[in-house]
Amino acid sequence: MNRRSRGTSLISPALLWLLLFIVAPLAIVVVVSLAARGPYGKTVYTFSPTNFLRALDPLYLRAYWRSAWIATTTTLLCAVVSYPVAYYLALRAPERWKRPLLLLTVIPFWTSFLIRTYAWILLLRSEGVINSVLMGTGSIGVPLKLLYSDFAVLVGQVYGELPFMILPIYVALDRLDVRLLEASQDLGANRFWTFVKITLPLSRPGLIAGIVLVFIPSLGAFITPDLLGGAKSVMIGNLIVNFFSGAQYTRGAAAALLIAVLIVVLLVVFRRSLEVEDAYRA
């Protein structure tokens, strides 16, 4: 067996897995998105772009806009909160405390995301923990309307996606050569400029990975908006779920493909901008 045949035999199981569980389902979604719904709910394969035009109806634009700004805001907040945490874990925490602190970071994964979202309902509702504490201390006279709002969705999203931002940044910072920071300070740079010129650029791969891992799930989220936002905070994920639960499979498939294409386009643009920036720095 020559080298090419050996390589083909080794990669064949992975290719078969990709074809069965990624390419084939995606092809089915494409076919269904180009079909039409018959008079009795039956799918008629007419291969028409009507479903995509309906998915771009102005009626759904508010859901698209809400999905975009909540996903963007969630990503920014996660980055702002996660970077100091990852920085402390990687460069400042005592060695004996690193593993326990990292364990605390991943502990939320031990519990179902659905259960954790219901826990936020207990915290944010009118008779919940937060309003009870504030009213008990006399800080407010009437309960705050925290639940069933975009604010509640944002809180739930940031809480749920935070570990996906902390861990990549921590990995990037943990690999950082501390001698570079010491050399920067020896050459006269203070802590601020050492962070701006050395730490932040070298940790950029972890930050970029965290942005991707947080933004994409946030854009298609549906559990958090459904439970914490209610009918007032419908996002594109909720629309897709409603389409499929209402037996409107063709429209749901079209909306899902539009979001997938949008994510791919954003990733390509993001990668191109990073390549241009790297070429400019070089």
C-alpha atoms as a PDB file:
ATOM      1  CA  MET A   1       0.000   0.000   0.000  1.00  0.00           C
ATOM      2  CA  ASN A   2       1.521   3.322  -1.097  1.00  0.00           C
ATOM      3  CA  ARG A   3       1.457   6.520   0.965  1.00  0.00           C
ATOM      4  CA  ARG A   4      -1.581   8.016  -0.832  1.00  0.00           C
ATOM      5  CA  SER A   5      -3.677   4.881  -0.357  1.00  0.00           C
ATOM      6  CA  ARG A   6      -2.678   4.702   3.285  1.00  0.00           C
ATOM      7  CA  GLY A   7      -3.635   8.341   3.814  1.00  0.00           C
ATOM      8  CA  THR A   8      -6.986   7.799   2.085  1.00  0.00           C
ATOM      9  CA  SER A   9      -7.776   4.787   4.247  1.00  0.00           C
ATOM     10  CA  LEU A  10      -6.936   6.719   7.415  1.00  0.00           C
ATOM     11  CA  ILE A  11      -9.049   9.741   6.538  1.00  0.00           C
ATOM     12  CA  SER A  12     -12.007   7.789   5.113  1.00  0.00           C
ATOM     13  CA  PRO A  13     -13.802   7.260   8.481  1.00  0.00           C
ATOM     14  CA  ALA A  14     -13.628  10.993   9.228  1.00  0.00           C
ATOM     15  CA  LEU A  15     -14.898  11.873   5.750  1.00  0.00           C
ATOM     16  CA  LEU A  16     -17.726   9.363   6.066  1.00  0.00           C
ATOM     17  CA  TRP A  17     -18.685  10.840   9.436  1.00  0.00           C
ATOM     18  CA  LEU A  18     -18.720  14.371   7.980  1.00  0.00           C
ATOM     19  CA  LEU A  19     -20.795  13.280   5.004  1.00  0.00           C
ATOM     20  CA  LEU A  20     -23.387  11.447   7.109  1.00  0.00           C
ATOM     21  CA  PHE A  21     -23.812  13.894   9.957  1.00  0.00           C
ATOM     22  CA  ILE A  22     -22.947  17.302   8.467  1.00  0.00           C
ATOM     23  CA  VAL A  23     -23.171  17.367   4.668  1.00  0.00           C
ATOM     24  CA  ALA A  24     -26.228  15.117   4.317  1.00  0.00           C
ATOM     25  CA  PRO A  25     -28.388  16.940   6.929  1.00  0.00           C
ATOM     26  CA  LEU A  26     -27.387  20.284   5.429  1.00  0.00           C
ATOM     27  CA  ALA A  27     -28.332  19.063   1.965  1.00  0.00           C
ATOM     28  CA  ILE A  28     -31.740  17.968   3.291  1.00  0.00           C
ATOM     29  CA  VAL A  29     -32.286  21.417   4.812  1.00  0.00           C
ATOM     30  CA  VAL A  30     -31.386  23.053   1.483  1.00  0.00           C
ATOM     31  CA  VAL A  31     -33.841  20.854  -0.395  1.00  0.00           C
ATOM     32  CA  VAL A  32     -36.634  21.474   2.114  1.00  0.00           C
ATOM     33  CA  SER A  33     -36.005  25.243   2.064  1.00  0.00           C
ATOM     34  CA  LEU A  34     -36.614  25.258  -1.711  1.00  0.00           C
ATOM     35  CA  ALA A  35     -39.873  23.282  -1.380  1.00  0.00           C
ATOM     36  CA  ALA A  36     -43.412  24.526  -0.725  1.00  0.00           C
ATOM     37  CA  ARG A  37     -46.164  23.573   1.683  1.00  0.00           C
ATOM     38  CA  GLY A  38     -49.084  21.772   0.102  1.00  0.00           C
ATOM     39  CA  PRO A  39     -52.781  22.342   0.887  1.00  0.00           C
ATOM     40  CA  TYR A  40     -52.832  19.595   3.545  1.00  0.00           C
ATOM     41  CA  GLY A  41     -49.433  20.360   5.088  1.00  0.00           C
ATOM     42  CA  LYS A  42     -47.595  18.051   2.718  1.00  0.00           C
ATOM     43  CA  THR A  43     -44.201  19.205   1.439  1.00  0.00           C
ATOM     44  CA  VAL A  44     -44.197  19.808  -2.312  1.00  0.00           C
ATOM     45  CA  TYR A  45     -40.768  19.973  -3.904  1.00  0.00           C
ATOM     46  CA  THR A  46     -41.179  22.905  -6.287  1.00  0.00           C
ATOM     47  CA  PHE A  47     -37.633  24.277  -5.857  1.00  0.00           C
ATOM     48  CA  SER A  48     -38.647  27.914  -5.539  1.00  0.00           C
ATOM     49  CA  PRO A  49     -36.920  30.760  -3.599  1.00  0.00           C
ATOM     50  CA  THR A  50     -40.272  31.836  -2.140  1.00  0.00           C
ATOM     51  CA  ASN A  51     -39.391  30.715   1.378  1.00  0.00           C
ATOM     52  CA  PHE A  52     -36.259  32.856   1.439  1.00  0.00           C
ATOM     53  CA  LEU A  53     -38.237  35.904   0.324  1.00  0.00           C
ATOM     54  CA  ARG A  54     -40.806  35.238   3.060  1.00  0.00           C
ATOM     55  CA  ALA A  55     -38.059  34.847   5.636  1.00  0.00           C
ATOM     56  CA  LEU A  56     -36.913  38.387   4.752  1.00  0.00           C
ATOM     57  CA  ASP A  57     -40.373  39.797   5.357  1.00  0.00           C
ATOM     58  CA  PRO A  58     -40.266  43.113   7.305  1.00  0.00           C
ATOM     59  CA  LEU A  59     -42.401  41.397   9.945  1.00  0.00           C
ATOM     60  CA  TYR A  60     -39.326  39.413  11.044  1.00  0.00           C
ATOM     61  CA  LEU A  61     -36.770  42.226  10.804  1.00  0.00           C
ATOM     62  CA  ARG A  62     -37.211  43.162  14.472  1.00  0.00           C
ATOM     63  CA  ALA A  63     -36.319  39.596  15.465  1.00  0.00           C
ATOM     64  CA  TYR A  64     -33.227  39.708  13.234  1.00  0.00           C
ATOM     65  CA  TRP A  65     -32.150  43.048  14.685  1.00  0.00           C
ATOM     66  CA  ARG A  66     -32.742  41.888  18.262  1.00  0.00           C
ATOM     67  CA  SER A  67     -30.716  38.740  17.613  1.00  0.00           C
ATOM     68  CA  ALA A  68     -27.832  40.772  16.177  1.00  0.00           C
ATOM     69  CA  TRP A  69     -27.582  43.336  18.966  1.00  0.00           C
ATOM     70  CA  ILE A  70     -28.092  40.821  21.782  1.00  0.00           C
ATOM     71  CA  ALA A  71     -25.426  38.521  20.317  1.00  0.00           C
ATOM     72  CA  THR A  72     -23.019  41.445  19.841  1.00  0.00           C
ATOM     73  CA  THR A  73     -23.656  42.875  23.311  1.00  0.00           C
ATOM     74  CA  THR A  74     -23.332  39.434  24.884  1.00  0.00           C
ATOM     75  CA  THR A  75     -19.978  38.923  23.179  1.00  0.00           C
ATOM     76  CA  LEU A  76     -18.667  42.334  24.266  1.00  0.00           C
ATOM     77  CA  LEU A  77     -19.785  41.876  27.874  1.00  0.00           C
ATOM     78  CA  CYS A  78     -18.315  38.382  28.020  1.00  0.00           C
ATOM     79  CA  ALA A  79     -14.994  39.698  26.686  1.00  0.00           C
ATOM     80  CA  VAL A  80     -14.903  42.569  29.201  1.00  0.00           C
ATOM     81  CA  VAL A  81     -15.747  40.290  32.134  1.00  0.00           C
ATOM     82  CA  SER A  82     -13.712  37.263  31.050  1.00  0.00           C
ATOM     83  CA  TYR A  83     -10.390  38.885  30.234  1.00  0.00           C
ATOM     84  CA  PRO A  84      -9.566  40.027  33.805  1.00  0.00           C
ATOM     85  CA  VAL A  85     -10.653  36.632  35.140  1.00  0.00           C
ATOM     86  CA  ALA A  86      -8.503  34.739  32.625  1.00  0.00           C
ATOM     87  CA  TYR A  87      -5.611  37.147  33.207  1.00  0.00           C
ATOM     88  CA  TYR A  88      -5.689  36.520  36.947  1.00  0.00           C
ATOM     89  CA  LEU A  89      -5.977  32.753  36.523  1.00  0.00           C
ATOM     90  CA  ALA A  90      -3.071  32.552  34.072  1.00  0.00           C
ATOM     91  CA  LEU A  91      -0.619  35.166  35.344  1.00  0.00           C
ATOM     92  CA  ARG A  92      -1.506  36.201  38.872  1.00  0.00           C
ATOM     93  CA  ALA A  93      -3.151  33.313  40.715  1.00  0.00           C
ATOM     94  CA  PRO A  94      -0.949  31.133  42.959  1.00  0.00           C
ATOM     95  CA  GLU A  95      -0.168  27.792  41.374  1.00  0.00           C
ATOM     96  CA  ARG A  96      -2.051  25.825  44.026  1.00  0.00           C
ATOM     97  CA  TRP A  97      -5.237  27.807  43.334  1.00  0.00           C
ATOM     98  CA  LYS A  98      -5.268  27.539  39.533  1.00  0.00           C
ATOM     99  CA  ARG A  99      -6.976  24.167  39.284  1.00  0.00           C
ATOM    100  CA  PRO A 100      -9.665  24.895  41.902  1.00  0.00           C
ATOM    101  CA  LEU A 101     -10.459  28.207  40.239  1.00  0.00           C
ATOM    102  CA  LEU A 102     -10.610  26.599  36.787  1.00  0.00           C
ATOM    103  CA  LEU A 103     -12.890  23.964  38.260  1.00  0.00           C
ATOM    104  CA  LEU A 104     -15.214  26.713  39.476  1.00  0.00           C
ATOM    105  CA  THR A 105     -15.221  28.103  35.933  1.00  0.00           C
ATOM    106  CA  VAL A 106     -16.473  24.861  34.381  1.00  0.00           C
ATOM    107  CA  ILE A 107     -18.822  23.827  37.209  1.00  0.00           C
ATOM    108  CA  PRO A 108     -21.851  25.372  35.400  1.00  0.00           C
ATOM    109  CA  PHE A 109     -21.377  22.759  32.671  1.00  0.00           C
ATOM    110  CA  TRP A 110     -22.205  20.074  35.216  1.00  0.00           C
ATOM    111  CA  THR A 111     -25.797  21.287  35.318  1.00  0.00           C
ATOM    112  CA  SER A 112     -28.301  21.414  32.473  1.00  0.00           C
ATOM    113  CA  PHE A 113     -28.473  24.786  30.743  1.00  0.00           C
ATOM    114  CA  LEU A 114     -32.257  24.603  30.989  1.00  0.00           C
ATOM    115  CA  ILE A 115     -32.114  24.231  34.784  1.00  0.00           C
ATOM    116  CA  ARG A 116     -29.696  27.148  35.058  1.00  0.00           C
ATOM    117  CA  THR A 117     -32.040  29.299  32.993  1.00  0.00           C
ATOM    118  CA  TYR A 118     -34.954  28.412  35.257  1.00  0.00           C
ATOM    119  CA  ALA A 119     -32.786  29.450  38.206  1.00  0.00           C
ATOM    120  CA  TRP A 120     -32.552  32.938  36.705  1.00  0.00           C
ATOM    121  CA  ILE A 121     -36.347  33.049  36.591  1.00  0.00           C
ATOM    122  CA  LEU A 122     -36.378  32.547  40.366  1.00  0.00           C
ATOM    123  CA  LEU A 123     -33.875  35.367  40.737  1.00  0.00           C
ATOM    124  CA  LEU A 124     -35.428  37.911  38.364  1.00  0.00           C
ATOM    125  CA  ARG A 125     -39.191  37.520  38.765  1.00  0.00           C
ATOM    126  CA  SER A 126     -41.246  40.061  40.721  1.00  0.00           C
ATOM    127  CA  GLU A 127     -41.325  37.837  43.827  1.00  0.00           C
ATOM    128  CA  GLY A 128     -37.784  36.596  43.220  1.00  0.00           C
ATOM    129  CA  VAL A 129     -34.630  36.847  45.271  1.00  0.00           C
ATOM    130  CA  ILE A 130     -33.372  40.154  43.841  1.00  0.00           C
ATOM    131  CA  ASN A 131     -36.648  42.053  44.280  1.00  0.00           C
ATOM    132  CA  SER A 132     -37.206  40.522  47.726  1.00  0.00           C
ATOM    133  CA  VAL A 133     -33.766  41.656  48.915  1.00  0.00           C
ATOM    134  CA  LEU A 134     -34.160  45.163  47.485  1.00  0.00           C
ATOM    135  CA  MET A 135     -37.624  45.590  48.951  1.00  0.00           C
ATOM    136  CA  GLY A 136     -36.526  44.121  52.275  1.00  0.00           C
ATOM    137  CA  THR A 137     -33.727  46.675  52.553  1.00  0.00           C
ATOM    138  CA  GLY A 138     -36.034  49.512  51.526  1.00  0.00           C
ATOM    139  CA  SER A 139     -34.098  50.274  48.343  1.00  0.00           C
ATOM    140  CA  ILE A 140     -37.247  50.068  46.207  1.00  0.00           C
ATOM    141  CA  GLY A 141     -40.951  50.439  46.915  1.00  0.00           C
ATOM    142  CA  VAL A 142     -42.324  48.312  44.082  1.00  0.00           C
ATOM    143  CA  PRO A 143     -40.780  45.263  42.409  1.00  0.00           C
ATOM    144  CA  LEU A 144     -38.561  45.928  39.415  1.00  0.00           C
ATOM    145  CA  LYS A 145     -39.671  44.474  36.087  1.00  0.00           C
ATOM    146  CA  LEU A 146     -36.559  42.440  35.426  1.00  0.00           C
ATOM    147  CA  LEU A 147     -38.024  39.278  33.949  1.00  0.00           C
ATOM    148  CA  TYR A 148     -39.481  38.978  30.446  1.00  0.00           C
ATOM    149  CA  SER A 149     -37.312  41.715  28.960  1.00  0.00           C
ATOM    150  CA  ASP A 150     -34.250  42.101  26.757  1.00  0.00           C
ATOM    151  CA  PHE A 151     -32.276  42.796  29.927  1.00  0.00           C
ATOM    152  CA  ALA A 152     -33.162  39.378  31.327  1.00  0.00           C
ATOM    153  CA  VAL A 153     -32.213  37.729  28.030  1.00  0.00           C
ATOM    154  CA  LEU A 154     -28.876  39.538  28.045  1.00  0.00           C
ATOM    155  CA  VAL A 155     -28.155  38.491  31.634  1.00  0.00           C
ATOM    156  CA  GLY A 156     -28.989  34.865  30.873  1.00  0.00           C
ATOM    157  CA  GLN A 157     -26.907  34.876  27.699  1.00  0.00           C
ATOM    158  CA  VAL A 158     -23.836  36.378  29.362  1.00  0.00           C
ATOM    159  CA  TYR A 159     -24.081  33.923  32.239  1.00  0.00           C
ATOM    160  CA  GLY A 160     -24.465  30.939  29.931  1.00  0.00           C
ATOM    161  CA  GLU A 161     -21.687  31.862  27.483  1.00  0.00           C
ATOM    162  CA  LEU A 162     -19.115  33.238  29.946  1.00  0.00           C
ATOM    163  CA  PRO A 163     -17.038  30.024  30.311  1.00  0.00           C
ATOM    164  CA  PHE A 164     -16.655  29.820  26.525  1.00  0.00           C
ATOM    165  CA  MET A 165     -14.861  33.165  26.631  1.00  0.00           C
ATOM    166  CA  ILE A 166     -12.807  32.603  29.785  1.00  0.00           C
ATOM    167  CA  LEU A 167     -11.224  29.287  28.800  1.00  0.00           C
ATOM    168  CA  PRO A 168      -9.759  30.240  25.359  1.00  0.00           C
ATOM    169  CA  ILE A 169      -8.322  33.473  26.754  1.00  0.00           C
ATOM    170  CA  TYR A 170      -6.872  31.584  29.711  1.00  0.00           C
ATOM    171  CA  VAL A 171      -5.181  29.064  27.407  1.00  0.00           C
ATOM    172  CA  ALA A 172      -3.625  31.866  25.343  1.00  0.00           C
ATOM    173  CA  LEU A 173      -2.399  33.746  28.419  1.00  0.00           C
ATOM    174  CA  ASP A 174      -1.138  30.609  30.128  1.00  0.00           C
ATOM    175  CA  ARG A 175       1.189  29.972  27.186  1.00  0.00           C
ATOM    176  CA  LEU A 176       2.552  33.517  27.379  1.00  0.00           C
ATOM    177  CA  ASP A 177       6.255  33.763  28.160  1.00  0.00           C
ATOM    178  CA  VAL A 178       6.418  35.808  31.364  1.00  0.00           C
ATOM    179  CA  ARG A 179       9.968  36.880  30.492  1.00  0.00           C
ATOM    180  CA  LEU A 180       8.536  39.088  27.734  1.00  0.00           C
ATOM    181  CA  LEU A 181       6.527  41.021  30.309  1.00  0.00           C
ATOM    182  CA  GLU A 182       9.560  41.368  32.543  1.00  0.00           C
ATOM    183  CA  ALA A 183      11.696  42.545  29.616  1.00  0.00           C
ATOM    184  CA  SER A 184       9.076  45.134  28.683  1.00  0.00           C
ATOM    185  CA  GLN A 185       9.074  46.580  32.191  1.00  0.00           C
ATOM    186  CA  ASP A 186      12.879  46.477  32.367  1.00  0.00           C
ATOM    187  CA  LEU A 187      12.979  48.574  29.195  1.00  0.00           C
ATOM    188  CA  GLY A 188      10.855  51.281  30.821  1.00  0.00           C
ATOM    189  CA  ALA A 189       7.264  50.370  29.899  1.00  0.00           C
ATOM    190  CA  ASN A 190       4.707  50.602  32.679  1.00  0.00           C
ATOM    191  CA  ARG A 191       2.049  47.949  33.286  1.00  0.00           C
ATOM    192  CA  PHE A 192      -0.487  49.630  31.021  1.00  0.00           C
ATOM    193  CA  TRP A 193       1.760  49.777  27.960  1.00  0.00           C
ATOM    194  CA  THR A 194       3.102  46.302  28.685  1.00  0.00           C
ATOM    195  CA  PHE A 195      -0.465  45.052  28.561  1.00  0.00           C
ATOM    196  CA  VAL A 196      -1.297  47.006  25.383  1.00  0.00           C
ATOM    197  CA  LYS A 197       1.889  46.168  23.475  1.00  0.00           C
ATOM    198  CA  ILE A 198       2.693  42.651  24.724  1.00  0.00           C
ATOM    199  CA  THR A 199      -0.081  40.878  26.618  1.00  0.00           C
ATOM    200  CA  LEU A 200      -3.095  41.836  24.511  1.00  0.00           C
ATOM    201  CA  PRO A 201      -1.552  41.109  21.065  1.00  0.00           C
ATOM    202  CA  LEU A 202      -0.157  37.753  22.200  1.00  0.00           C
ATOM    203  CA  SER A 203      -3.508  36.736  23.704  1.00  0.00           C
ATOM    204  CA  ARG A 204      -5.455  37.746  20.608  1.00  0.00           C
ATOM    205  CA  PRO A 205      -5.878  34.166  19.273  1.00  0.00           C
ATOM    206  CA  GLY A 206      -7.650  33.170  22.485  1.00  0.00           C
ATOM    207  CA  LEU A 207      -9.773  36.306  22.406  1.00  0.00           C
ATOM    208  CA  ILE A 208     -10.778  35.660  18.800  1.00  0.00           C
ATOM    209  CA  ALA A 209     -11.654  32.045  19.593  1.00  0.00           C
ATOM    210  CA  GLY A 210     -13.776  33.207  22.526  1.00  0.00           C
ATOM    211  CA  ILE A 211     -15.582  35.771  20.361  1.00  0.00           C
ATOM    212  CA  VAL A 212     -16.458  33.105  17.798  1.00  0.00           C
ATOM    213  CA  LEU A 213     -17.549  30.587  20.452  1.00  0.00           C
ATOM    214  CA  VAL A 214     -19.815  33.157  22.129  1.00  0.00           C
ATOM    215  CA  PHE A 215     -21.224  35.096  19.180  1.00  0.00           C
ATOM    216  CA  ILE A 216     -22.405  32.166  17.057  1.00  0.00           C
ATOM    217  CA  PRO A 217     -24.466  30.382  19.778  1.00  0.00           C
ATOM    218  CA  SER A 218     -25.819  33.743  20.989  1.00  0.00           C
ATOM    219  CA  LEU A 219     -27.051  34.614  17.507  1.00  0.00           C
ATOM    220  CA  GLY A 220     -29.147  31.455  17.257  1.00  0.00           C
ATOM    221  CA  ALA A 221     -30.208  31.190  20.909  1.00  0.00           C
ATOM    222  CA  PHE A 222     -33.819  30.245  21.621  1.00  0.00           C
ATOM    223  CA  ILE A 223     -34.022  28.763  25.150  1.00  0.00           C
ATOM    224  CA  THR A 224     -32.924  31.913  26.984  1.00  0.00           C
ATOM    225  CA  PRO A 225     -35.125  34.322  24.956  1.00  0.00           C
ATOM    226  CA  ASP A 226     -38.083  31.975  25.291  1.00  0.00           C
ATOM    227  CA  LEU A 227     -37.845  31.554  29.075  1.00  0.00           C
ATOM    228  CA  LEU A 228     -36.407  34.898  30.192  1.00  0.00           C
ATOM    229  CA  GLY A 229     -37.656  37.186  27.431  1.00  0.00           C
ATOM    230  CA  GLY A 230     -41.162  35.882  26.827  1.00  0.00           C
ATOM    231  CA  ALA A 231     -43.152  37.096  23.846  1.00  0.00           C
ATOM    232  CA  LYS A 232     -41.481  40.517  23.964  1.00  0.00           C
ATOM    233  CA  SER A 233     -37.974  39.301  23.157  1.00  0.00           C
ATOM    234  CA  VAL A 234     -38.363  37.019  20.164  1.00  0.00           C
ATOM    235  CA  MET A 235     -35.096  36.222  18.412  1.00  0.00           C
ATOM    236  CA  ILE A 236     -34.405  34.428  15.166  1.00  0.00           C
ATOM    237  CA  GLY A 237     -33.946  31.125  17.005  1.00  0.00           C
ATOM    238  CA  ASN A 238     -37.471  31.431  18.403  1.00  0.00           C
ATOM    239  CA  LEU A 239     -38.841  32.133  14.921  1.00  0.00           C
ATOM    240  CA  ILE A 240     -37.187  29.009  13.536  1.00  0.00           C
ATOM    241  CA  VAL A 241     -38.534  26.907  16.412  1.00  0.00           C
ATOM    242  CA  ASN A 242     -42.012  28.336  15.877  1.00  0.00           C
ATOM    243  CA  PHE A 243     -41.844  27.563  12.161  1.00  0.00           C
ATOM    244  CA  PHE A 244     -40.929  23.933  12.745  1.00  0.00           C
ATOM    245  CA  SER A 245     -43.344  23.432  15.649  1.00  0.00           C
ATOM    246  CA  GLY A 246     -46.110  24.853  13.443  1.00  0.00           C
ATOM    247  CA  ALA A 247     -45.305  22.348  10.674  1.00  0.00           C
ATOM    248  CA  GLN A 248     -43.925  25.148   8.485  1.00  0.00           C
ATOM    249  CA  TYR A 249     -40.782  23.187   7.753  1.00  0.00           C
ATOM    250  CA  THR A 250     -39.950  24.941   4.500  1.00  0.00           C
ATOM    251  CA  ARG A 251     -39.934  28.424   6.025  1.00  0.00           C
ATOM    252  CA  GLY A 252     -38.020  27.206   9.057  1.00  0.00           C
ATOM    253  CA  ALA A 253     -35.367  25.615   6.852  1.00  0.00           C
ATOM    254  CA  ALA A 254     -35.027  28.808   4.808  1.00  0.00           C
ATOM    255  CA  ALA A 255     -34.614  30.970   7.923  1.00  0.00           C
ATOM    256  CA  ALA A 256     -32.033  28.550   9.347  1.00  0.00           C
ATOM    257  CA  LEU A 257     -30.034  28.647   6.111  1.00  0.00           C
ATOM    258  CA  LEU A 258     -30.091  32.439   6.056  1.00  0.00           C
ATOM    259  CA  ILE A 259     -28.606  32.532   9.548  1.00  0.00           C
ATOM    260  CA  ALA A 260     -25.992  29.924   8.596  1.00  0.00           C
ATOM    261  CA  VAL A 261     -24.979  31.935   5.512  1.00  0.00           C
ATOM    262  CA  LEU A 262     -24.827  35.123   7.588  1.00  0.00           C
ATOM    263  CA  ILE A 263     -22.530  33.460  10.129  1.00  0.00           C
ATOM    264  CA  VAL A 264     -20.227  32.140   7.386  1.00  0.00           C
ATOM    265  CA  VAL A 265     -20.052  35.590   5.773  1.00  0.00           C
ATOM    266  CA  LEU A 266     -19.232  37.235   9.105  1.00  0.00           C
ATOM    267  CA  LEU A 267     -16.504  34.681   9.808  1.00  0.00           C
ATOM    268  CA  VAL A 268     -14.961  35.227   6.370  1.00  0.00           C
ATOM    269  CA  VAL A 269     -15.040  39.024   6.756  1.00  0.00           C
ATOM    270  CA  PHE A 270     -13.599  38.752  10.258  1.00  0.00           C
ATOM    271  CA  ARG A 271     -10.800  36.487   9.078  1.00  0.00           C
ATOM    272  CA  ARG A 272     -10.001  38.723   6.094  1.00  0.00           C
ATOM    273  CA  SER A 273      -9.815  41.785   8.338  1.00  0.00           C
ATOM    274  CA  LEU A 274      -7.407  39.967  10.658  1.00  0.00           C
ATOM    275  CA  GLU A 275      -5.243  38.911   7.701  1.00  0.00           C
ATOM    276  CA  VAL A 276      -5.127  42.498   6.433  1.00  0.00           C
ATOM    277  CA  GLU A 277      -4.206  43.735   9.924  1.00  0.00           C
ATOM    278  CA  ASP A 278      -1.438  41.130  10.258  1.00  0.00           C
ATOM    279  CA  ALA A 279      -0.077  42.022   6.819  1.00  0.00           C
ATOM    280  CA  TYR A 280      -0.105  45.718   7.756  1.00  0.00           C
ATOM    281  CA  ARG A 281       1.785  45.046  10.985  1.00  0.00           C
ATOM    282  CA  ALA A 282       4.308  42.865   9.184  1.00  0.00           C
END
